[in-house]
Protein backbone atom coordinates (compact mmCIF):
# COMPACT_ATOMS: atom_id res chain seq x y z
CA MET A 1 -8.63 9.33 11.55
CA THR A 2 -10.17 6.74 13.88
CA HIS A 3 -13.38 8.76 14.21
CA LEU A 4 -14.25 8.17 10.55
CA ARG A 5 -16.68 5.46 9.57
CA PRO A 6 -14.84 2.29 8.50
CA LEU A 7 -15.29 2.64 4.72
CA GLU A 8 -14.45 6.33 4.82
CA LYS A 9 -11.33 5.53 6.85
CA ILE A 10 -10.31 2.83 4.37
CA ARG A 11 -10.78 5.18 1.43
CA ALA A 12 -8.90 7.94 3.25
CA GLY A 13 -6.06 5.47 3.91
CA MET A 14 -5.87 4.62 0.22
CA ASP A 15 -5.94 8.31 -0.71
CA LEU A 16 -3.03 8.97 1.66
CA ILE A 17 -0.97 6.22 0.06
CA LEU A 18 -1.70 7.51 -3.42
CA GLN A 19 -0.70 11.06 -2.47
CA TYR A 20 2.89 10.06 -1.79
CA ASP A 21 5.48 10.76 -4.47
CA LYS A 22 6.65 7.34 -5.64
CA SER A 23 9.64 8.85 -7.46
CA LEU A 24 10.85 10.44 -4.20
CA PHE A 25 10.82 7.02 -2.53
CA ILE A 26 12.69 5.50 -5.47
CA GLU A 27 15.31 8.25 -5.22
CA LYS A 28 15.61 8.17 -1.42
CA LEU A 29 16.11 4.42 -1.29
CA ARG A 30 18.26 4.40 -4.43
CA LEU A 31 16.00 1.87 -6.10
CA GLY A 32 17.22 0.71 -9.47
CA ASP A 33 15.53 -0.40 -12.65
CA MET A 34 12.22 -2.22 -12.12
CA SER A 35 13.53 -5.32 -13.87
CA THR A 36 16.43 -5.67 -11.42
CA ASP A 37 15.22 -4.21 -8.14
CA THR A 38 12.59 -6.19 -6.23
CA ALA A 39 11.99 -3.33 -3.77
CA ARG A 40 11.04 -1.05 -6.65
CA CYS A 41 8.69 -3.73 -8.04
CA ASP A 42 7.14 -4.14 -4.60
CA LEU A 43 6.67 -0.38 -4.28
CA GLU A 44 5.03 -0.30 -7.71
CA GLN A 45 2.79 -3.17 -6.60
CA ILE A 46 1.65 -1.29 -3.49
CA PHE A 47 0.77 1.84 -5.48
CA GLY A 48 -0.85 -0.11 -8.32
CA LEU A 49 -2.90 -2.40 -6.12
CA THR A 50 -4.02 0.49 -3.93
CA ALA A 51 -5.15 2.48 -6.99
CA TYR A 52 -6.96 -0.60 -8.32
CA ILE A 53 -8.76 -1.31 -5.04
CA ARG A 54 -9.60 2.40 -4.64
CA GLU A 55 -11.79 2.17 -7.75
CA MET A 56 -13.61 -1.00 -6.66
CA PRO A 57 -16.94 -1.07 -4.79
CA ILE A 58 -15.50 -2.27 -1.48
CA ASP A 59 -18.66 -1.48 0.46
CA GLY A 60 -19.73 -5.11 -0.06
CA LEU A 61 -16.79 -6.48 1.89
CA VAL A 62 -17.47 -8.39 5.09
CA GLU A 63 -16.26 -6.87 8.35
CA ASN A 64 -13.18 -9.11 8.65
CA ASP A 65 -12.01 -8.17 5.15
CA ARG A 66 -12.58 -4.48 5.87
CA ALA A 67 -10.63 -4.75 9.12
CA SER A 68 -7.73 -6.55 7.40
CA LEU A 69 -7.63 -4.00 4.60
CA ASP A 70 -7.79 -1.10 7.06
CA GLU A 71 -4.94 -2.55 9.13
CA SER A 72 -2.81 -3.17 6.05
CA LEU A 73 -3.37 0.39 4.80
CA ASP A 74 -2.42 1.78 8.22
CA GLN A 75 0.82 -0.24 8.12
CA ILE A 76 1.62 0.94 4.61
CA ASN A 77 0.97 4.56 5.57
CA ALA A 78 3.23 4.19 8.62
CA LEU A 79 5.95 2.75 6.39
CA PHE A 80 5.52 5.54 3.84
CA ARG A 81 5.83 8.16 6.58
CA GLU A 82 9.00 6.41 7.73
CA ILE A 83 10.44 6.44 4.19
CA HIS A 84 9.36 10.05 3.68
CA ASP A 85 11.15 11.07 6.90
CA TYR A 86 14.21 8.92 6.15
CA ASP A 87 17.45 10.83 5.83
CA ALA A 88 20.26 8.63 4.50
CA ALA A 89 22.89 11.13 5.60
CA ALA A 90 21.67 11.13 9.21
CA ILE A 91 20.47 7.54 9.56
CA GLY A 92 22.82 4.94 8.19
CA GLY A 93 21.96 1.31 7.60
CA VAL A 94 18.19 1.71 7.55
CA GLU A 95 17.72 1.30 3.80
CA LYS A 96 17.84 -2.49 3.86
CA LYS A 97 15.21 -2.63 6.61
CA LEU A 98 12.96 -0.23 4.71
CA ARG A 99 13.31 -2.36 1.58
CA GLU A 100 12.34 -5.45 3.61
CA LYS A 101 9.33 -3.63 5.01
CA ILE A 102 8.25 -2.64 1.51
CA ARG A 103 8.37 -6.31 0.51
CA GLU A 104 6.37 -7.36 3.61
CA ARG A 105 3.72 -4.70 3.09
CA ALA A 106 3.36 -5.48 -0.64
CA ASP A 107 3.01 -9.20 0.06
CA HIS A 108 0.52 -8.61 2.86
CA LEU A 109 -1.69 -6.28 0.80
CA TYR A 110 -1.67 -8.77 -2.06
CA ASP A 111 -2.46 -11.73 0.22
CA ILE A 112 -5.34 -10.13 2.12
CA THR A 113 -7.03 -8.77 -1.00
CA LEU A 114 -6.58 -11.80 -3.24
CA PRO A 115 -9.58 -13.79 -1.92
CA TRP A 116 -12.13 -11.05 -2.61
CA ARG A 117 -10.63 -9.05 -5.51
CA GLY A 118 -11.97 -11.41 -8.15
CA LEU A 119 -15.49 -11.40 -6.74
CA ILE A 120 -15.60 -7.62 -6.27
CA ASN A 121 -14.20 -7.14 -9.78
CA PHE A 122 -16.80 -9.53 -11.22
CA LEU A 123 -19.62 -7.69 -9.43
CA TYR A 124 -18.21 -4.33 -10.51
CA GLU A 125 -17.94 -5.37 -14.16
CA SER A 126 -21.43 -6.90 -14.26
CA THR A 127 -23.25 -3.79 -13.02
């Protein structure tokens, strides 16, 4: 995917994330009710924030913000591949680490997008 232009690569990264089956991840990692399981809330945050950003006009982002977003999406996609390939019967003790990674990736995506989400949303709404 590195041959794609930066914005196309970013959009493709978001599309990959959104193609994953969230319910499969919830089942594989035995995530409980959203009100009691922070990993499930974090997973919901990743999917929700990605879908939200996917609809925004991100072409106005400066290069540093694009690079940060691209890197974060790559890390999320790597994590999602890891969860998708996870086999609890064959690999014991990995669930906790995957849950921690979900938390880290959710926090990171939130943190890097927070400074520009409001501005992009304002510009998007005013056009």
